[in-house]
Amino acid sequence: MSESKLKQLSLDFSVQIINLVKELKDMHETTISNQIGRSGTSIGANIYEANYAQGTKDFISKLEIALKEASETGYWLDLLFKTNYIDDVTYRSLSDQCTAIRVMLISSCKTAKNNLQTD
């Protein structure tokens, strides 16, 4: 896994989430838009923050927080789709991106934990 690829994916995803939030607010949906706005942009913020971690344990902690935020974002995407706030194409695109980020985060956490054990 390339850290720069994960950083870029999470940044691109955050941009799309912000654009989604704008669309939702135009539809006067504020509850879920606020939630997905926070969780969806927090993923990338924690990944970026992990690059300046104070050691491996802190690095793992930041990535695990990003993973939790990605999981929460997946929930909000499911809810938006099931309540017809987003269409199938938007849902699948964002959900697939969110899943790809989660997979990369899981892999990064496993690698970092293995490296911690061998130190």
PDB file of N, CA and C in Angstrom:
ATOM      1  N   MET A   1       0.845  -1.181   0.000  1.00  0.00           N
ATOM      2  CA  MET A   1       0.000   0.000   0.000  1.00  0.00           C
ATOM      3  C   MET A   1       0.880   1.229   0.000  1.00  0.00           C
ATOM      4  N   SER A   2       0.530   2.156  -0.812  1.00  0.00           N
ATOM      5  CA  SER A   2       1.257   3.408  -0.869  1.00  0.00           C
ATOM      6  C   SER A   2       0.537   4.440  -0.014  1.00  0.00           C
ATOM      7  N   GLU A   3       1.302   5.006   0.935  1.00  0.00           N
ATOM      8  CA  GLU A   3       0.687   6.025   1.797  1.00  0.00           C
ATOM      9  C   GLU A   3       0.208   7.208   0.982  1.00  0.00           C
ATOM     10  N   SER A   4       0.972   7.577  -0.056  1.00  0.00           N
ATOM     11  CA  SER A   4       0.563   8.723  -0.866  1.00  0.00           C
ATOM     12  C   SER A   4      -0.733   8.419  -1.622  1.00  0.00           C
ATOM     13  N   LYS A   5      -0.916   7.162  -2.042  1.00  0.00           N
ATOM     14  CA  LYS A   5      -2.166   6.791  -2.724  1.00  0.00           C
ATOM     15  C   LYS A   5      -3.336   6.893  -1.757  1.00  0.00           C
ATOM     16  N   LEU A   6      -3.153   6.411  -0.543  1.00  0.00           N
ATOM     17  CA  LEU A   6      -4.208   6.493   0.467  1.00  0.00           C
ATOM     18  C   LEU A   6      -4.528   7.952   0.797  1.00  0.00           C
ATOM     19  N   LYS A   7      -3.498   8.765   0.927  1.00  0.00           N
ATOM     20  CA  LYS A   7      -3.730  10.190   1.195  1.00  0.00           C
ATOM     21  C   LYS A   7      -4.511  10.837   0.060  1.00  0.00           C
ATOM     22  N   GLN A   8      -4.140  10.525  -1.185  1.00  0.00           N
ATOM     23  CA  GLN A   8      -4.818  11.128  -2.336  1.00  0.00           C
ATOM     24  C   GLN A   8      -6.262  10.644  -2.436  1.00  0.00           C
ATOM     25  N   LEU A   9      -6.481   9.347  -2.237  1.00  0.00           N
ATOM     26  CA  LEU A   9      -7.850   8.815  -2.273  1.00  0.00           C
ATOM     27  C   LEU A   9      -8.724   9.460  -1.212  1.00  0.00           C
ATOM     28  N   SER A  10      -8.163   9.610  -0.009  1.00  0.00           N
ATOM     29  CA  SER A  10      -8.963  10.188   1.077  1.00  0.00           C
ATOM     30  C   SER A  10      -9.247  11.665   0.827  1.00  0.00           C
ATOM     31  N   LEU A  11      -8.298  12.383   0.229  1.00  0.00           N
ATOM     32  CA  LEU A  11      -8.527  13.792  -0.093  1.00  0.00           C
ATOM     33  C   LEU A  11      -9.599  13.924  -1.174  1.00  0.00           C
ATOM     34  N   ASP A  12      -9.474  13.116  -2.224  1.00  0.00           N
ATOM     35  CA  ASP A  12     -10.481  13.148  -3.296  1.00  0.00           C
ATOM     36  C   ASP A  12     -11.869  12.784  -2.754  1.00  0.00           C
ATOM     37  N   PHE A  13     -11.914  11.803  -1.866  1.00  0.00           N
ATOM     38  CA  PHE A  13     -13.173  11.395  -1.263  1.00  0.00           C
ATOM     39  C   PHE A  13     -13.760  12.539  -0.433  1.00  0.00           C
ATOM     40  N   SER A  14     -12.925  13.223   0.323  1.00  0.00           N
ATOM     41  CA  SER A  14     -13.391  14.358   1.132  1.00  0.00           C
ATOM     42  C   SER A  14     -14.001  15.449   0.257  1.00  0.00           C
ATOM     43  N   VAL A  15     -13.383  15.717  -0.875  1.00  0.00           N
ATOM     44  CA  VAL A  15     -13.917  16.727  -1.805  1.00  0.00           C
ATOM     45  C   VAL A  15     -15.309  16.308  -2.272  1.00  0.00           C
ATOM     46  N   GLN A  16     -15.460  15.036  -2.613  1.00  0.00           N
ATOM     47  CA  GLN A  16     -16.761  14.553  -3.061  1.00  0.00           C
ATOM     48  C   GLN A  16     -17.800  14.602  -1.945  1.00  0.00           C
ATOM     49  N   ILE A  17     -17.383  14.322  -0.737  1.00  0.00           N
ATOM     50  CA  ILE A  17     -18.304  14.406   0.405  1.00  0.00           C
ATOM     51  C   ILE A  17     -18.749  15.848   0.620  1.00  0.00           C
ATOM     52  N   ILE A  18     -17.824  16.780   0.540  1.00  0.00           N
ATOM     53  CA  ILE A  18     -18.184  18.197   0.699  1.00  0.00           C
ATOM     54  C   ILE A  18     -19.181  18.608  -0.382  1.00  0.00           C
ATOM     55  N   ASN A  19     -18.955  18.174  -1.612  1.00  0.00           N
ATOM     56  CA  ASN A  19     -19.906  18.488  -2.688  1.00  0.00           C
ATOM     57  C   ASN A  19     -21.261  17.840  -2.442  1.00  0.00           C
ATOM     58  N   LEU A  20     -21.260  16.622  -1.918  1.00  0.00           N
ATOM     59  CA  LEU A  20     -22.515  15.960  -1.560  1.00  0.00           C
ATOM     60  C   LEU A  20     -23.249  16.741  -0.474  1.00  0.00           C
ATOM     61  N   VAL A  21     -22.519  17.196   0.534  1.00  0.00           N
ATOM     62  CA  VAL A  21     -23.126  17.972   1.619  1.00  0.00           C
ATOM     63  C   VAL A  21     -23.787  19.234   1.059  1.00  0.00           C
ATOM     64  N   LYS A  22     -23.132  19.889   0.122  1.00  0.00           N
ATOM     65  CA  LYS A  22     -23.727  21.085  -0.506  1.00  0.00           C
ATOM     66  C   LYS A  22     -25.056  20.728  -1.173  1.00  0.00           C
ATOM     67  N   GLU A  23     -25.066  19.617  -1.906  1.00  0.00           N
ATOM     68  CA  GLU A  23     -26.299  19.183  -2.579  1.00  0.00           C
ATOM     69  C   GLU A  23     -27.394  18.853  -1.567  1.00  0.00           C
ATOM     70  N   LEU A  24     -27.020  18.162  -0.497  1.00  0.00           N
ATOM     71  CA  LEU A  24     -28.006  17.795   0.526  1.00  0.00           C
ATOM     72  C   LEU A  24     -28.586  19.034   1.195  1.00  0.00           C
ATOM     73  N   LYS A  25     -27.741  20.006   1.470  1.00  0.00           N
ATOM     74  CA  LYS A  25     -28.232  21.237   2.108  1.00  0.00           C
ATOM     75  C   LYS A  25     -29.144  22.013   1.165  1.00  0.00           C
ATOM     76  N   ASP A  26     -28.879  21.929  -0.152  1.00  0.00           N
ATOM     77  CA  ASP A  26     -29.785  22.540  -1.125  1.00  0.00           C
ATOM     78  C   ASP A  26     -31.158  21.877  -1.088  1.00  0.00           C
ATOM     79  N   MET A  27     -31.193  20.591  -0.690  1.00  0.00           N
ATOM     80  CA  MET A  27     -32.459  19.853  -0.553  1.00  0.00           C
ATOM     81  C   MET A  27     -33.045  20.035   0.847  1.00  0.00           C
ATOM     82  N   HIS A  28     -32.415  20.871   1.648  1.00  0.00           N
ATOM     83  CA  HIS A  28     -32.833  21.153   3.027  1.00  0.00           C
ATOM     84  C   HIS A  28     -32.696  19.947   3.952  1.00  0.00           C
ATOM     85  N   GLU A  29     -31.744  19.081   3.648  1.00  0.00           N
ATOM     86  CA  GLU A  29     -31.427  17.951   4.520  1.00  0.00           C
ATOM     87  C   GLU A  29     -30.195  18.361   5.317  1.00  0.00           C
ATOM     88  N   THR A  30     -30.379  18.541   6.625  1.00  0.00           N
ATOM     89  CA  THR A  30     -29.255  19.012   7.437  1.00  0.00           C
ATOM     90  C   THR A  30     -28.728  17.986   8.424  1.00  0.00           C
ATOM     91  N   THR A  31     -29.572  17.123   8.922  1.00  0.00           N
ATOM     92  CA  THR A  31     -29.144  16.173   9.956  1.00  0.00           C
ATOM     93  C   THR A  31     -28.080  15.222   9.431  1.00  0.00           C
ATOM     94  N   ILE A  32     -28.406  14.491   8.382  1.00  0.00           N
ATOM     95  CA  ILE A  32     -27.455  13.517   7.841  1.00  0.00           C
ATOM     96  C   ILE A  32     -26.295  14.230   7.154  1.00  0.00           C
ATOM     97  N   SER A  33     -26.579  15.352   6.496  1.00  0.00           N
ATOM     98  CA  SER A  33     -25.495  16.053   5.796  1.00  0.00           C
ATOM     99  C   SER A  33     -24.416  16.513   6.775  1.00  0.00           C
ATOM    100  N   ASN A  34     -24.823  16.960   7.948  1.00  0.00           N
ATOM    101  CA  ASN A  34     -23.826  17.355   8.954  1.00  0.00           C
ATOM    102  C   ASN A  34     -23.016  16.154   9.419  1.00  0.00           C
ATOM    103  N   GLN A  35     -23.690  15.033   9.617  1.00  0.00           N
ATOM    104  CA  GLN A  35     -23.012  13.825  10.095  1.00  0.00           C
ATOM    105  C   GLN A  35     -22.022  13.291   9.063  1.00  0.00           C
ATOM    106  N   ILE A  36     -22.479  13.150   7.822  1.00  0.00           N
ATOM    107  CA  ILE A  36     -21.592  12.595   6.794  1.00  0.00           C
ATOM    108  C   ILE A  36     -20.478  13.588   6.453  1.00  0.00           C
ATOM    109  N   GLY A  37     -20.769  14.855   6.591  1.00  0.00           N
ATOM    110  CA  GLY A  37     -19.723  15.862   6.366  1.00  0.00           C
ATOM    111  C   GLY A  37     -18.587  15.716   7.362  1.00  0.00           C
ATOM    112  N   ARG A  38     -18.944  15.497   8.608  1.00  0.00           N
ATOM    113  CA  ARG A  38     -17.913  15.333   9.653  1.00  0.00           C
ATOM    114  C   ARG A  38     -17.150  14.024   9.488  1.00  0.00           C
ATOM    115  N   SER A  39     -17.881  12.925   9.369  1.00  0.00           N
ATOM    116  CA  SER A  39     -17.193  11.623   9.300  1.00  0.00           C
ATOM    117  C   SER A  39     -16.426  11.463   7.990  1.00  0.00           C
ATOM    118  N   GLY A  40     -17.011  11.896   6.891  1.00  0.00           N
ATOM    119  CA  GLY A  40     -16.377  11.718   5.586  1.00  0.00           C
ATOM    120  C   GLY A  40     -15.099  12.510   5.396  1.00  0.00           C
ATOM    121  N   THR A  41     -15.034  13.690   5.998  1.00  0.00           N
ATOM    122  CA  THR A  41     -13.815  14.492   5.890  1.00  0.00           C
ATOM    123  C   THR A  41     -12.809  14.149   6.977  1.00  0.00           C
ATOM    124  N   SER A  42     -13.280  13.558   8.046  1.00  0.00           N
ATOM    125  CA  SER A  42     -12.387  13.163   9.134  1.00  0.00           C
ATOM    126  C   SER A  42     -11.462  12.016   8.731  1.00  0.00           C
ATOM    127  N   ILE A  43     -11.886  11.219   7.780  1.00  0.00           N
ATOM    128  CA  ILE A  43     -11.064  10.099   7.316  1.00  0.00           C
ATOM    129  C   ILE A  43      -9.712  10.628   6.852  1.00  0.00           C
ATOM    130  N   GLY A  44      -9.748  11.531   5.904  1.00  0.00           N
ATOM    131  CA  GLY A  44      -8.511  12.088   5.357  1.00  0.00           C
ATOM    132  C   GLY A  44      -7.718  12.880   6.373  1.00  0.00           C
ATOM    133  N   ALA A  45      -8.419  13.607   7.228  1.00  0.00           N
ATOM    134  CA  ALA A  45      -7.719  14.402   8.243  1.00  0.00           C
ATOM    135  C   ALA A  45      -6.897  13.502   9.160  1.00  0.00           C
ATOM    136  N   ASN A  46      -7.447  12.364   9.547  1.00  0.00           N
ATOM    137  CA  ASN A  46      -6.717  11.433  10.412  1.00  0.00           C
ATOM    138  C   ASN A  46      -5.579  10.739   9.672  1.00  0.00           C
ATOM    139  N   ILE A  47      -5.771  10.452   8.398  1.00  0.00           N
ATOM    140  CA  ILE A  47      -4.697   9.856   7.605  1.00  0.00           C
ATOM    141  C   ILE A  47      -3.544  10.849   7.482  1.00  0.00           C
ATOM    142  N   TYR A  48      -3.862  12.100   7.207  1.00  0.00           N
ATOM    143  CA  TYR A  48      -2.817  13.123   7.116  1.00  0.00           C
ATOM    144  C   TYR A  48      -2.121  13.292   8.464  1.00  0.00           C
ATOM    145  N   GLU A  49      -2.903  13.287   9.534  1.00  0.00           N
ATOM    146  CA  GLU A  49      -2.339  13.452  10.874  1.00  0.00           C
ATOM    147  C   GLU A  49      -1.422  12.283  11.242  1.00  0.00           C
ATOM    148  N   ALA A  50      -1.730  11.093  10.753  1.00  0.00           N
ATOM    149  CA  ALA A  50      -0.916   9.910  11.050  1.00  0.00           C
ATOM    150  C   ALA A  50       0.514  10.068  10.549  1.00  0.00           C
ATOM    151  N   ASN A  51       0.694  10.860   9.519  1.00  0.00           N
ATOM    152  CA  ASN A  51       2.042  11.071   8.984  1.00  0.00           C
ATOM    153  C   ASN A  51       2.950  11.807   9.959  1.00  0.00           C
ATOM    154  N   TYR A  52       2.384  12.446  10.944  1.00  0.00           N
ATOM    155  CA  TYR A  52       3.162  13.170  11.949  1.00  0.00           C
ATOM    156  C   TYR A  52       2.944  12.573  13.332  1.00  0.00           C
ATOM    157  N   ALA A  53       2.683  11.282  13.345  1.00  0.00           N
ATOM    158  CA  ALA A  53       2.430  10.581  14.606  1.00  0.00           C
ATOM    159  C   ALA A  53       3.685  10.560  15.467  1.00  0.00           C
ATOM    160  N   GLN A  54       3.458  10.451  16.759  1.00  0.00           N
ATOM    161  CA  GLN A  54       4.558  10.401  17.723  1.00  0.00           C
ATOM    162  C   GLN A  54       4.915   8.945  18.010  1.00  0.00           C
ATOM    163  N   GLY A  55       5.235   8.214  16.977  1.00  0.00           N
ATOM    164  CA  GLY A  55       5.585   6.809  17.125  1.00  0.00           C
ATOM    165  C   GLY A  55       4.570   5.902  16.460  1.00  0.00           C
ATOM    166  N   THR A  56       4.902   4.634  16.430  1.00  0.00           N
ATOM    167  CA  THR A  56       4.075   3.654  15.729  1.00  0.00           C
ATOM    168  C   THR A  56       2.701   3.480  16.363  1.00  0.00           C
ATOM    169  N   LYS A  57       2.636   3.467  17.692  1.00  0.00           N
ATOM    170  CA  LYS A  57       1.330   3.307  18.352  1.00  0.00           C
ATOM    171  C   LYS A  57       0.391   4.464  18.018  1.00  0.00           C
ATOM    172  N   ASP A  58       0.919   5.671  18.000  1.00  0.00           N
ATOM    173  CA  ASP A  58       0.112   6.839  17.650  1.00  0.00           C
ATOM    174  C   ASP A  58      -0.313   6.759  16.182  1.00  0.00           C
ATOM    175  N   PHE A  59       0.588   6.315  15.320  1.00  0.00           N
ATOM    176  CA  PHE A  59       0.291   6.139  13.892  1.00  0.00           C
ATOM    177  C   PHE A  59      -0.883   5.164  13.723  1.00  0.00           C
ATOM    178  N   ILE A  60      -0.797   4.029  14.409  1.00  0.00           N
ATOM    179  CA  ILE A  60      -1.864   3.024  14.339  1.00  0.00           C
ATOM    180  C   ILE A  60      -3.176   3.601  14.861  1.00  0.00           C
ATOM    181  N   SER A  61      -3.103   4.318  15.950  1.00  0.00           N
ATOM    182  CA  SER A  61      -4.301   4.919  16.534  1.00  0.00           C
ATOM    183  C   SER A  61      -4.992   5.860  15.551  1.00  0.00           C
ATOM    184  N   LYS A  62      -4.221   6.692  14.871  1.00  0.00           N
ATOM    185  CA  LYS A  62      -4.805   7.632  13.897  1.00  0.00           C
ATOM    186  C   LYS A  62      -5.456   6.875  12.739  1.00  0.00           C
ATOM    187  N   LEU A  63      -4.780   5.828  12.264  1.00  0.00           N
ATOM    188  CA  LEU A  63      -5.360   5.057  11.163  1.00  0.00           C
ATOM    189  C   LEU A  63      -6.611   4.314  11.609  1.00  0.00           C
ATOM    190  N   GLU A  64      -6.637   3.837  12.850  1.00  0.00           N
ATOM    191  CA  GLU A  64      -7.834   3.163  13.356  1.00  0.00           C
ATOM    192  C   GLU A  64      -8.993   4.139  13.520  1.00  0.00           C
ATOM    193  N   ILE A  65      -8.699   5.366  13.902  1.00  0.00           N
ATOM    194  CA  ILE A  65      -9.751   6.393  13.967  1.00  0.00           C
ATOM    195  C   ILE A  65     -10.284   6.653  12.563  1.00  0.00           C
ATOM    196  N   ALA A  66      -9.392   6.765  11.583  1.00  0.00           N
ATOM    197  CA  ALA A  66      -9.809   6.966  10.193  1.00  0.00           C
ATOM    198  C   ALA A  66     -10.695   5.808   9.730  1.00  0.00           C
ATOM    199  N   LEU A  67     -10.336   4.597  10.134  1.00  0.00           N
ATOM    200  CA  LEU A  67     -11.122   3.418   9.778  1.00  0.00           C
ATOM    201  C   LEU A  67     -12.526   3.476  10.388  1.00  0.00           C
ATOM    202  N   LYS A  68     -12.616   3.883  11.638  1.00  0.00           N
ATOM    203  CA  LYS A  68     -13.927   4.037  12.283  1.00  0.00           C
ATOM    204  C   LYS A  68     -14.762   5.099  11.575  1.00  0.00           C
ATOM    205  N   GLU A  69     -14.125   6.198  11.198  1.00  0.00           N
ATOM    206  CA  GLU A  69     -14.842   7.262  10.497  1.00  0.00           C
ATOM    207  C   GLU A  69     -15.315   6.781   9.119  1.00  0.00           C
ATOM    208  N   ALA A  70     -14.501   5.972   8.457  1.00  0.00           N
ATOM    209  CA  ALA A  70     -14.889   5.421   7.152  1.00  0.00           C
ATOM    210  C   ALA A  70     -16.087   4.482   7.303  1.00  0.00           C
ATOM    211  N   SER A  71     -16.079   3.701   8.372  1.00  0.00           N
ATOM    212  CA  SER A  71     -17.210   2.810   8.636  1.00  0.00           C
ATOM    213  C   SER A  71     -18.484   3.613   8.883  1.00  0.00           C
ATOM    214  N   GLU A  72     -18.365   4.664   9.682  1.00  0.00           N
ATOM    215  CA  GLU A  72     -19.524   5.526   9.935  1.00  0.00           C
ATOM    216  C   GLU A  72     -20.010   6.179   8.644  1.00  0.00           C
ATOM    217  N   THR A  73     -19.096   6.626   7.826  1.00  0.00           N
ATOM    218  CA  THR A  73     -19.465   7.258   6.559  1.00  0.00           C
ATOM    219  C   THR A  73     -20.227   6.270   5.679  1.00  0.00           C
ATOM    220  N   GLY A  74     -19.794   5.015   5.681  1.00  0.00           N
ATOM    221  CA  GLY A  74     -20.514   3.985   4.932  1.00  0.00           C
ATOM    222  C   GLY A  74     -21.954   3.849   5.392  1.00  0.00           C
ATOM    223  N   TYR A  75     -22.161   3.946   6.698  1.00  0.00           N
ATOM    224  CA  TYR A  75     -23.521   3.889   7.252  1.00  0.00           C
ATOM    225  C   TYR A  75     -24.365   5.056   6.721  1.00  0.00           C
ATOM    226  N   TRP A  76     -23.799   6.273   6.766  1.00  0.00           N
ATOM    227  CA  TRP A  76     -24.554   7.442   6.311  1.00  0.00           C
ATOM    228  C   TRP A  76     -24.861   7.339   4.820  1.00  0.00           C
ATOM    229  N   LEU A  77     -23.927   6.798   4.044  1.00  0.00           N
ATOM    230  CA  LEU A  77     -24.193   6.604   2.612  1.00  0.00           C
ATOM    231  C   LEU A  77     -25.348   5.626   2.405  1.00  0.00           C
ATOM    232  N   ASP A  78     -25.340   4.526   3.157  1.00  0.00           N
ATOM    233  CA  ASP A  78     -26.446   3.568   3.075  1.00  0.00           C
ATOM    234  C   ASP A  78     -27.775   4.242   3.402  1.00  0.00           C
ATOM    235  N   LEU A  79     -27.779   5.028   4.466  1.00  0.00           N
ATOM    236  CA  LEU A  79     -29.006   5.696   4.890  1.00  0.00           C
ATOM    237  C   LEU A  79     -29.484   6.710   3.850  1.00  0.00           C
ATOM    238  N   LEU A  80     -28.554   7.477   3.288  1.00  0.00           N
ATOM    239  CA  LEU A  80     -28.929   8.449   2.252  1.00  0.00           C
ATOM    240  C   LEU A  80     -29.520   7.747   1.033  1.00  0.00           C
ATOM    241  N   PHE A  81     -28.958   6.609   0.678  1.00  0.00           N
ATOM    242  CA  PHE A  81     -29.472   5.863  -0.459  1.00  0.00           C
ATOM    243  C   PHE A  81     -30.852   5.292  -0.163  1.00  0.00           C
ATOM    244  N   LYS A  82     -31.012   4.703   0.998  1.00  0.00           N
ATOM    245  CA  LYS A  82     -32.288   4.065   1.351  1.00  0.00           C
ATOM    246  C   LYS A  82     -33.409   5.078   1.577  1.00  0.00           C
ATOM    247  N   THR A  83     -33.055   6.333   1.814  1.00  0.00           N
ATOM    248  CA  THR A  83     -34.066   7.373   1.990  1.00  0.00           C
ATOM    249  C   THR A  83     -34.203   8.252   0.744  1.00  0.00           C
ATOM    250  N   ASN A  84     -33.595   7.787  -0.356  1.00  0.00           N
ATOM    251  CA  ASN A  84     -33.712   8.440  -1.667  1.00  0.00           C
ATOM    252  C   ASN A  84     -33.122   9.844  -1.744  1.00  0.00           C
ATOM    253  N   TYR A  85     -32.152  10.143  -0.900  1.00  0.00           N
ATOM    254  CA  TYR A  85     -31.454  11.426  -1.019  1.00  0.00           C
ATOM    255  C   TYR A  85     -30.354  11.375  -2.065  1.00  0.00           C
ATOM    256  N   ILE A  86     -29.821  10.165  -2.329  1.00  0.00           N
ATOM    257  CA  ILE A  86     -28.829  10.015  -3.388  1.00  0.00           C
ATOM    258  C   ILE A  86     -29.257   8.866  -4.296  1.00  0.00           C
ATOM    259  N   ASP A  87     -28.897   8.993  -5.572  1.00  0.00           N
ATOM    260  CA  ASP A  87     -29.270   7.959  -6.538  1.00  0.00           C
ATOM    261  C   ASP A  87     -28.276   6.799  -6.508  1.00  0.00           C
ATOM    262  N   ASP A  88     -28.596   5.784  -7.259  1.00  0.00           N
ATOM    263  CA  ASP A  88     -27.797   4.561  -7.286  1.00  0.00           C
ATOM    264  C   ASP A  88     -26.365   4.820  -7.758  1.00  0.00           C
ATOM    265  N   VAL A  89     -26.185   5.634  -8.775  1.00  0.00           N
ATOM    266  CA  VAL A  89     -24.855   5.904  -9.325  1.00  0.00           C
ATOM    267  C   VAL A  89     -23.987   6.612  -8.289  1.00  0.00           C
ATOM    268  N   THR A  90     -24.530   7.621  -7.648  1.00  0.00           N
ATOM    269  CA  THR A  90     -23.794   8.355  -6.610  1.00  0.00           C
ATOM    270  C   THR A  90     -23.465   7.443  -5.445  1.00  0.00           C
ATOM    271  N   TYR A  91     -24.462   6.673  -5.030  1.00  0.00           N
ATOM    272  CA  TYR A  91     -24.258   5.758  -3.905  1.00  0.00           C
ATOM    273  C   TYR A  91     -23.139   4.766  -4.201  1.00  0.00           C
ATOM    274  N   ARG A  92     -23.215   4.111  -5.342  1.00  0.00           N
ATOM    275  CA  ARG A  92     -22.214   3.088  -5.674  1.00  0.00           C
ATOM    276  C   ARG A  92     -20.817   3.683  -5.787  1.00  0.00           C
ATOM    277  N   SER A  93     -20.716   4.833  -6.395  1.00  0.00           N
ATOM    278  CA  SER A  93     -19.413   5.472  -6.550  1.00  0.00           C
ATOM    279  C   SER A  93     -18.795   5.815  -5.194  1.00  0.00           C
ATOM    280  N   LEU A  94     -19.563   6.493  -4.352  1.00  0.00           N
ATOM    281  CA  LEU A  94     -19.038   6.886  -3.039  1.00  0.00           C
ATOM    282  C   LEU A  94     -18.825   5.680  -2.129  1.00  0.00           C
ATOM    283  N   SER A  95     -19.734   4.735  -2.182  1.00  0.00           N
ATOM    284  CA  SER A  95     -19.604   3.540  -1.349  1.00  0.00           C
ATOM    285  C   SER A  95     -18.374   2.722  -1.757  1.00  0.00           C
ATOM    286  N   ASP A  96     -18.148   2.580  -3.059  1.00  0.00           N
ATOM    287  CA  ASP A  96     -16.973   1.847  -3.537  1.00  0.00           C
ATOM    288  C   ASP A  96     -15.676   2.535  -3.113  1.00  0.00           C
ATOM    289  N   GLN A  97     -15.656   3.856  -3.202  1.00  0.00           N
ATOM    290  CA  GLN A  97     -14.461   4.600  -2.776  1.00  0.00           C
ATOM    291  C   GLN A  97     -14.224   4.443  -1.280  1.00  0.00           C
ATOM    292  N   CYS A  98     -15.297   4.528  -0.521  1.00  0.00           N
ATOM    293  CA  CYS A  98     -15.198   4.391   0.929  1.00  0.00           C
ATOM    294  C   CYS A  98     -14.698   2.993   1.293  1.00  0.00           C
ATOM    295  N   THR A  99     -15.200   1.992   0.606  1.00  0.00           N
ATOM    296  CA  THR A  99     -14.759   0.615   0.849  1.00  0.00           C
ATOM    297  C   THR A  99     -13.285   0.448   0.503  1.00  0.00           C
ATOM    298  N   ALA A 100     -12.855   1.015  -0.606  1.00  0.00           N
ATOM    299  CA  ALA A 100     -11.444   0.922  -1.004  1.00  0.00           C
ATOM    300  C   ALA A 100     -10.539   1.565   0.046  1.00  0.00           C
ATOM    301  N   ILE A 101     -10.959   2.690   0.580  1.00  0.00           N
ATOM    302  CA  ILE A 101     -10.188   3.356   1.632  1.00  0.00           C
ATOM    303  C   ILE A 101     -10.132   2.482   2.877  1.00  0.00           C
ATOM    304  N   ARG A 102     -11.272   1.880   3.243  1.00  0.00           N
ATOM    305  CA  ARG A 102     -11.293   0.991   4.416  1.00  0.00           C
ATOM    306  C   ARG A 102     -10.345  -0.186   4.240  1.00  0.00           C
ATOM    307  N   VAL A 103     -10.357  -0.790   3.067  1.00  0.00           N
ATOM    308  CA  VAL A 103      -9.472  -1.924   2.794  1.00  0.00           C
ATOM    309  C   VAL A 103      -8.014  -1.506   2.947  1.00  0.00           C
ATOM    310  N   MET A 104      -7.666  -0.353   2.406  1.00  0.00           N
ATOM    311  CA  MET A 104      -6.289   0.132   2.507  1.00  0.00           C
ATOM    312  C   MET A 104      -5.923   0.446   3.958  1.00  0.00           C
ATOM    313  N   LEU A 105      -6.870   1.006   4.706  1.00  0.00           N
ATOM    314  CA  LEU A 105      -6.610   1.307   6.118  1.00  0.00           C
ATOM    315  C   LEU A 105      -6.405   0.034   6.927  1.00  0.00           C
ATOM    316  N   ILE A 106      -7.223  -0.974   6.679  1.00  0.00           N
ATOM    317  CA  ILE A 106      -7.075  -2.251   7.387  1.00  0.00           C
ATOM    318  C   ILE A 106      -5.695  -2.843   7.105  1.00  0.00           C
ATOM    319  N   SER A 107      -5.295  -2.820   5.846  1.00  0.00           N
ATOM    320  CA  SER A 107      -3.987  -3.350   5.467  1.00  0.00           C
ATOM    321  C   SER A 107      -2.859  -2.562   6.134  1.00  0.00           C
ATOM    322  N   SER A 108      -2.982  -1.251   6.141  1.00  0.00           N
ATOM    323  CA  SER A 108      -1.955  -0.401   6.766  1.00  0.00           C
ATOM    324  C   SER A 108      -1.864  -0.653   8.262  1.00  0.00           C
ATOM    325  N   CYS A 109      -3.002  -0.809   8.906  1.00  0.00           N
ATOM    326  CA  CYS A 109      -3.006  -1.082  10.351  1.00  0.00           C
ATOM    327  C   CYS A 109      -2.349  -2.423  10.649  1.00  0.00           C
ATOM    328  N   LYS A 110      -2.682  -3.435   9.860  1.00  0.00           N
ATOM    329  CA  LYS A 110      -2.082  -4.757  10.065  1.00  0.00           C
ATOM    330  C   LYS A 110      -0.567  -4.703   9.888  1.00  0.00           C
ATOM    331  N   THR A 111      -0.127  -4.029   8.852  1.00  0.00           N
ATOM    332  CA  THR A 111       1.312  -3.910   8.598  1.00  0.00           C
ATOM    333  C   THR A 111       1.999  -3.183   9.739  1.00  0.00           C
ATOM    334  N   ALA A 112       1.427  -2.082  10.175  1.00  0.00           N
ATOM    335  CA  ALA A 112       2.027  -1.302  11.271  1.00  0.00           C
ATOM    336  C   ALA A 112       2.063  -2.105  12.569  1.00  0.00           C
ATOM    337  N   LYS A 113       1.008  -2.866  12.831  1.00  0.00           N
ATOM    338  CA  LYS A 113       0.986  -3.697  14.045  1.00  0.00           C
ATOM    339  C   LYS A 113       2.027  -4.805  13.969  1.00  0.00           C
ATOM    340  N   ASN A 114       2.187  -5.401  12.794  1.00  0.00           N
ATOM    341  CA  ASN A 114       3.216  -6.428  12.622  1.00  0.00           C
ATOM    342  C   ASN A 114       4.613  -5.835  12.810  1.00  0.00           C
ATOM    343  N   ASN A 115       4.820  -4.649  12.276  1.00  0.00           N
ATOM    344  CA  ASN A 115       6.110  -3.977  12.434  1.00  0.00           C
ATOM    345  C   ASN A 115       6.373  -3.631  13.901  1.00  0.00           C
ATOM    346  N   LEU A 116       5.337  -3.287  14.612  1.00  0.00           N
ATOM    347  CA  LEU A 116       5.471  -2.951  16.035  1.00  0.00           C
ATOM    348  C   LEU A 116       5.910  -4.172  16.825  1.00  0.00           C
ATOM    349  N   GLN A 117       5.374  -5.321  16.476  1.00  0.00           N
ATOM    350  CA  GLN A 117       5.710  -6.561  17.184  1.00  0.00           C
ATOM    351  C   GLN A 117       7.144  -7.007  16.913  1.00  0.00           C
ATOM    352  N   THR A 118       7.677  -6.666  15.740  1.00  0.00           N
ATOM    353  CA  THR A 118       9.033  -7.099  15.403  1.00  0.00           C
ATOM    354  C   THR A 118      10.095  -6.115  15.868  1.00  0.00           C
ATOM    355  N   ASP A 119       9.669  -4.949  16.350  1.00  0.00           N
ATOM    356  CA  ASP A 119      10.645  -3.956  16.842  1.00  0.00           C
ATOM    357  C   ASP A 119      11.173  -4.311  18.204  1.00  0.00           C
TER     358      ASP A 119
END
